[in-house]
Amino acid sequence: MDDMCHLYNMELMQQRERIENLKRKLHSYNKNIEEQESIFKNVVKYTDGFINNIITFLERFSNSKELNVLSNCAKYCLADDVVILI
């Protein structure tokens, strides 16, 4: 009977060790995920304004009359297998 109790206790100890190892790994994975989320949030935070400024600039530029004049006046012609912008 003592041998059975000892064997059972050993099994329980091994299971607890495995559970503790899994907890440590899970904690490590969660910490890595939190760090990556933090980095992603910082990238979005610092680049969002920059990207919005570029989009606003491109919208203004594409709506400007100068661009329309340039696009209407630009003509491509093929001379001696070379594309020339006139």
N, C-alpha and C. Protein backbone atom coordinates (compact mmCIF):
# COMPACT_ATOMS: atom_id res chain seq x y z
N MET A 1 0.82 -1.19 0.00
CA MET A 1 0.00 0.00 0.00
C MET A 1 0.86 1.26 0.00
N ASP A 2 1.95 1.20 0.77
CA ASP A 2 2.86 2.33 0.82
C ASP A 2 3.49 2.59 -0.55
N ASP A 3 3.80 1.52 -1.25
CA ASP A 3 4.38 1.66 -2.59
C ASP A 3 3.39 2.35 -3.53
N MET A 4 2.13 2.00 -3.42
CA MET A 4 1.10 2.63 -4.26
C MET A 4 0.97 4.12 -3.95
N CYS A 5 1.01 4.46 -2.68
CA CYS A 5 0.93 5.87 -2.27
C CYS A 5 2.15 6.64 -2.78
N HIS A 6 3.29 6.02 -2.64
CA HIS A 6 4.52 6.66 -3.10
C HIS A 6 4.48 6.88 -4.62
N LEU A 7 4.06 5.87 -5.35
CA LEU A 7 3.94 5.97 -6.80
C LEU A 7 2.93 7.06 -7.19
N TYR A 8 1.82 7.10 -6.49
CA TYR A 8 0.79 8.10 -6.76
C TYR A 8 1.33 9.51 -6.49
N ASN A 9 2.05 9.66 -5.40
CA ASN A 9 2.65 10.96 -5.06
C ASN A 9 3.67 11.39 -6.11
N MET A 10 4.45 10.45 -6.58
CA MET A 10 5.42 10.75 -7.64
C MET A 10 4.72 11.23 -8.91
N GLU A 11 3.64 10.55 -9.26
CA GLU A 11 2.87 10.94 -10.45
C GLU A 11 2.31 12.35 -10.28
N LEU A 12 1.79 12.63 -9.10
CA LEU A 12 1.25 13.97 -8.83
C LEU A 12 2.34 15.04 -8.92
N MET A 13 3.50 14.75 -8.39
CA MET A 13 4.60 15.71 -8.44
C MET A 13 5.04 15.97 -9.88
N GLN A 14 5.10 14.92 -10.69
CA GLN A 14 5.47 15.09 -12.09
C GLN A 14 4.42 15.91 -12.84
N GLN A 15 3.16 15.65 -12.55
CA GLN A 15 2.10 16.42 -13.19
C GLN A 15 2.18 17.89 -12.79
N ARG A 16 2.44 18.14 -11.52
CA ARG A 16 2.57 19.53 -11.06
C ARG A 16 3.74 20.23 -11.74
N GLU A 17 4.85 19.52 -11.90
CA GLU A 17 6.00 20.09 -12.60
C GLU A 17 5.64 20.43 -14.05
N ARG A 18 4.96 19.51 -14.72
CA ARG A 18 4.54 19.77 -16.10
C ARG A 18 3.60 20.98 -16.16
N ILE A 19 2.68 21.05 -15.21
CA ILE A 19 1.74 22.18 -15.18
C ILE A 19 2.49 23.49 -14.95
N GLU A 20 3.44 23.48 -14.04
CA GLU A 20 4.23 24.69 -13.77
C GLU A 20 5.05 25.10 -15.00
N ASN A 21 5.62 24.12 -15.68
CA ASN A 21 6.36 24.42 -16.92
C ASN A 21 5.44 25.04 -17.96
N LEU A 22 4.26 24.47 -18.10
CA LEU A 22 3.30 25.02 -19.06
C LEU A 22 2.87 26.43 -18.67
N LYS A 23 2.68 26.67 -17.38
CA LYS A 23 2.32 28.01 -16.91
C LYS A 23 3.41 29.02 -17.25
N ARG A 24 4.68 28.62 -17.02
CA ARG A 24 5.79 29.52 -17.33
C ARG A 24 5.85 29.82 -18.83
N LYS A 25 5.68 28.78 -19.64
CA LYS A 25 5.69 28.99 -21.10
C LYS A 25 4.54 29.89 -21.52
N LEU A 26 3.36 29.65 -20.98
CA LEU A 26 2.20 30.47 -21.32
C LEU A 26 2.42 31.92 -20.90
N HIS A 27 2.98 32.11 -19.73
CA HIS A 27 3.27 33.47 -19.26
C HIS A 27 4.28 34.15 -20.20
N SER A 28 5.29 33.39 -20.61
CA SER A 28 6.29 33.93 -21.54
C SER A 28 5.66 34.29 -22.88
N TYR A 29 4.80 33.42 -23.40
CA TYR A 29 4.12 33.71 -24.67
C TYR A 29 3.24 34.94 -24.54
N ASN A 30 2.50 35.04 -23.44
CA ASN A 30 1.63 36.20 -23.23
C ASN A 30 2.44 37.48 -23.13
N LYS A 31 3.59 37.40 -22.47
CA LYS A 31 4.45 38.57 -22.36
C LYS A 31 4.97 38.99 -23.73
N ASN A 32 5.38 38.02 -24.56
CA ASN A 32 5.83 38.34 -25.91
C ASN A 32 4.72 38.97 -26.74
N ILE A 33 3.51 38.44 -26.60
CA ILE A 33 2.38 38.99 -27.35
C ILE A 33 2.10 40.42 -26.91
N GLU A 34 2.15 40.68 -25.60
CA GLU A 34 1.93 42.03 -25.10
C GLU A 34 3.00 42.99 -25.61
N GLU A 35 4.26 42.54 -25.66
CA GLU A 35 5.33 43.39 -26.18
C GLU A 35 5.12 43.69 -27.66
N GLN A 36 4.72 42.68 -28.43
CA GLN A 36 4.48 42.90 -29.85
C GLN A 36 3.29 43.82 -30.07
N GLU A 37 2.23 43.68 -29.26
CA GLU A 37 1.09 44.58 -29.37
C GLU A 37 1.50 46.00 -29.04
N SER A 38 2.35 46.16 -28.04
CA SER A 38 2.82 47.49 -27.66
C SER A 38 3.63 48.12 -28.80
N ILE A 39 4.50 47.34 -29.41
CA ILE A 39 5.29 47.84 -30.54
C ILE A 39 4.36 48.22 -31.69
N PHE A 40 3.39 47.38 -32.00
CA PHE A 40 2.46 47.66 -33.08
C PHE A 40 1.66 48.93 -32.80
N LYS A 41 1.20 49.09 -31.55
CA LYS A 41 0.44 50.29 -31.19
C LYS A 41 1.30 51.54 -31.33
N ASN A 42 2.58 51.45 -30.94
CA ASN A 42 3.48 52.60 -31.10
C ASN A 42 3.71 52.93 -32.56
N VAL A 43 3.89 51.90 -33.39
CA VAL A 43 4.08 52.14 -34.82
C VAL A 43 2.86 52.82 -35.41
N VAL A 44 1.67 52.32 -35.06
CA VAL A 44 0.44 52.93 -35.56
C VAL A 44 0.31 54.35 -35.05
N LYS A 45 0.62 54.54 -33.77
CA LYS A 45 0.48 55.86 -33.14
C LYS A 45 1.38 56.89 -33.82
N TYR A 46 2.62 56.51 -34.10
CA TYR A 46 3.57 57.47 -34.64
C TYR A 46 3.50 57.59 -36.16
N THR A 47 3.00 56.59 -36.85
CA THR A 47 2.94 56.69 -38.31
C THR A 47 1.57 57.11 -38.80
N ASP A 48 0.55 57.03 -37.96
CA ASP A 48 -0.81 57.35 -38.39
C ASP A 48 -0.91 58.79 -38.85
N GLY A 49 -0.38 59.72 -38.08
CA GLY A 49 -0.41 61.13 -38.46
C GLY A 49 0.38 61.38 -39.73
N PHE A 50 1.53 60.74 -39.85
CA PHE A 50 2.36 60.90 -41.03
C PHE A 50 1.65 60.41 -42.28
N ILE A 51 1.04 59.23 -42.18
CA ILE A 51 0.31 58.67 -43.32
C ILE A 51 -0.89 59.54 -43.67
N ASN A 52 -1.60 60.04 -42.65
CA ASN A 52 -2.73 60.93 -42.92
C ASN A 52 -2.27 62.20 -43.62
N ASN A 53 -1.12 62.73 -43.23
CA ASN A 53 -0.59 63.92 -43.90
C ASN A 53 -0.27 63.63 -45.36
N ILE A 54 0.31 62.47 -45.63
CA ILE A 54 0.61 62.11 -47.02
C ILE A 54 -0.67 61.96 -47.83
N ILE A 55 -1.67 61.30 -47.25
CA ILE A 55 -2.94 61.12 -47.95
C ILE A 55 -3.59 62.47 -48.23
N THR A 56 -3.59 63.36 -47.24
CA THR A 56 -4.17 64.69 -47.43
C THR A 56 -3.42 65.44 -48.52
N PHE A 57 -2.08 65.37 -48.50
CA PHE A 57 -1.29 66.04 -49.52
C PHE A 57 -1.62 65.50 -50.91
N LEU A 58 -1.70 64.17 -51.03
CA LEU A 58 -2.00 63.59 -52.34
C LEU A 58 -3.40 63.95 -52.80
N GLU A 59 -4.35 64.00 -51.87
CA GLU A 59 -5.71 64.40 -52.25
C GLU A 59 -5.73 65.84 -52.75
N ARG A 60 -5.04 66.71 -52.03
CA ARG A 60 -4.99 68.12 -52.46
C ARG A 60 -4.26 68.25 -53.79
N PHE A 61 -3.17 67.51 -53.93
CA PHE A 61 -2.39 67.58 -55.16
C PHE A 61 -3.19 67.05 -56.35
N SER A 62 -3.91 65.96 -56.15
CA SER A 62 -4.66 65.38 -57.26
C SER A 62 -5.86 66.24 -57.62
N ASN A 63 -6.35 67.03 -56.69
CA ASN A 63 -7.48 67.91 -56.98
C ASN A 63 -7.05 69.27 -57.49
N SER A 64 -5.76 69.53 -57.53
CA SER A 64 -5.30 70.86 -57.95
C SER A 64 -5.41 71.01 -59.46
N LYS A 65 -5.58 72.26 -59.87
CA LYS A 65 -5.72 72.55 -61.30
C LYS A 65 -4.41 72.33 -62.03
N GLU A 66 -3.29 72.54 -61.33
CA GLU A 66 -2.00 72.37 -61.98
C GLU A 66 -1.82 70.93 -62.46
N LEU A 67 -2.25 69.99 -61.66
CA LEU A 67 -2.14 68.59 -62.06
C LEU A 67 -3.02 68.31 -63.26
N ASN A 68 -4.23 68.87 -63.27
CA ASN A 68 -5.11 68.67 -64.41
C ASN A 68 -4.51 69.27 -65.68
N VAL A 69 -3.90 70.44 -65.55
CA VAL A 69 -3.27 71.06 -66.72
C VAL A 69 -2.12 70.20 -67.20
N LEU A 70 -1.30 69.70 -66.27
CA LEU A 70 -0.17 68.86 -66.67
C LEU A 70 -0.64 67.57 -67.32
N SER A 71 -1.67 66.97 -66.75
CA SER A 71 -2.13 65.70 -67.31
C SER A 71 -2.79 65.90 -68.67
N ASN A 72 -3.45 67.04 -68.87
CA ASN A 72 -4.06 67.31 -70.17
C ASN A 72 -3.02 67.65 -71.22
N CYS A 73 -1.93 68.28 -70.81
CA CYS A 73 -0.91 68.70 -71.77
C CYS A 73 0.12 67.62 -72.06
N ALA A 74 0.24 66.66 -71.19
CA ALA A 74 1.27 65.62 -71.38
C ALA A 74 0.85 64.70 -72.51
N LYS A 75 1.75 64.51 -73.45
CA LYS A 75 1.50 63.60 -74.58
C LYS A 75 2.71 62.71 -74.75
N TYR A 76 2.46 61.48 -75.05
CA TYR A 76 3.54 60.52 -75.28
C TYR A 76 3.61 60.24 -76.78
N CYS A 77 4.81 60.21 -77.29
CA CYS A 77 4.97 59.80 -78.68
C CYS A 77 6.12 58.81 -78.77
N LEU A 78 6.05 57.92 -79.71
CA LEU A 78 7.07 56.90 -79.88
C LEU A 78 7.92 57.27 -81.08
N ALA A 79 9.20 57.53 -80.82
CA ALA A 79 10.10 57.88 -81.91
C ALA A 79 11.34 57.01 -81.79
N ASP A 80 11.59 56.24 -82.80
CA ASP A 80 12.75 55.34 -82.82
C ASP A 80 12.76 54.42 -81.60
N ASP A 81 11.63 53.83 -81.30
CA ASP A 81 11.48 52.90 -80.18
C ASP A 81 11.81 53.52 -78.82
N VAL A 82 11.71 54.82 -78.70
CA VAL A 82 11.96 55.51 -77.43
C VAL A 82 10.72 56.34 -77.11
N VAL A 83 10.24 56.22 -75.89
CA VAL A 83 9.09 57.01 -75.47
C VAL A 83 9.59 58.38 -75.05
N ILE A 84 9.02 59.42 -75.64
CA ILE A 84 9.42 60.78 -75.33
C ILE A 84 8.21 61.51 -74.76
N LEU A 85 8.39 62.19 -73.64
CA LEU A 85 7.33 62.98 -73.03
C LEU A 85 7.41 64.39 -73.59
N ILE A 86 6.31 64.82 -74.20
CA ILE A 86 6.30 66.17 -74.78
C ILE A 86 5.45 67.06 -73.91
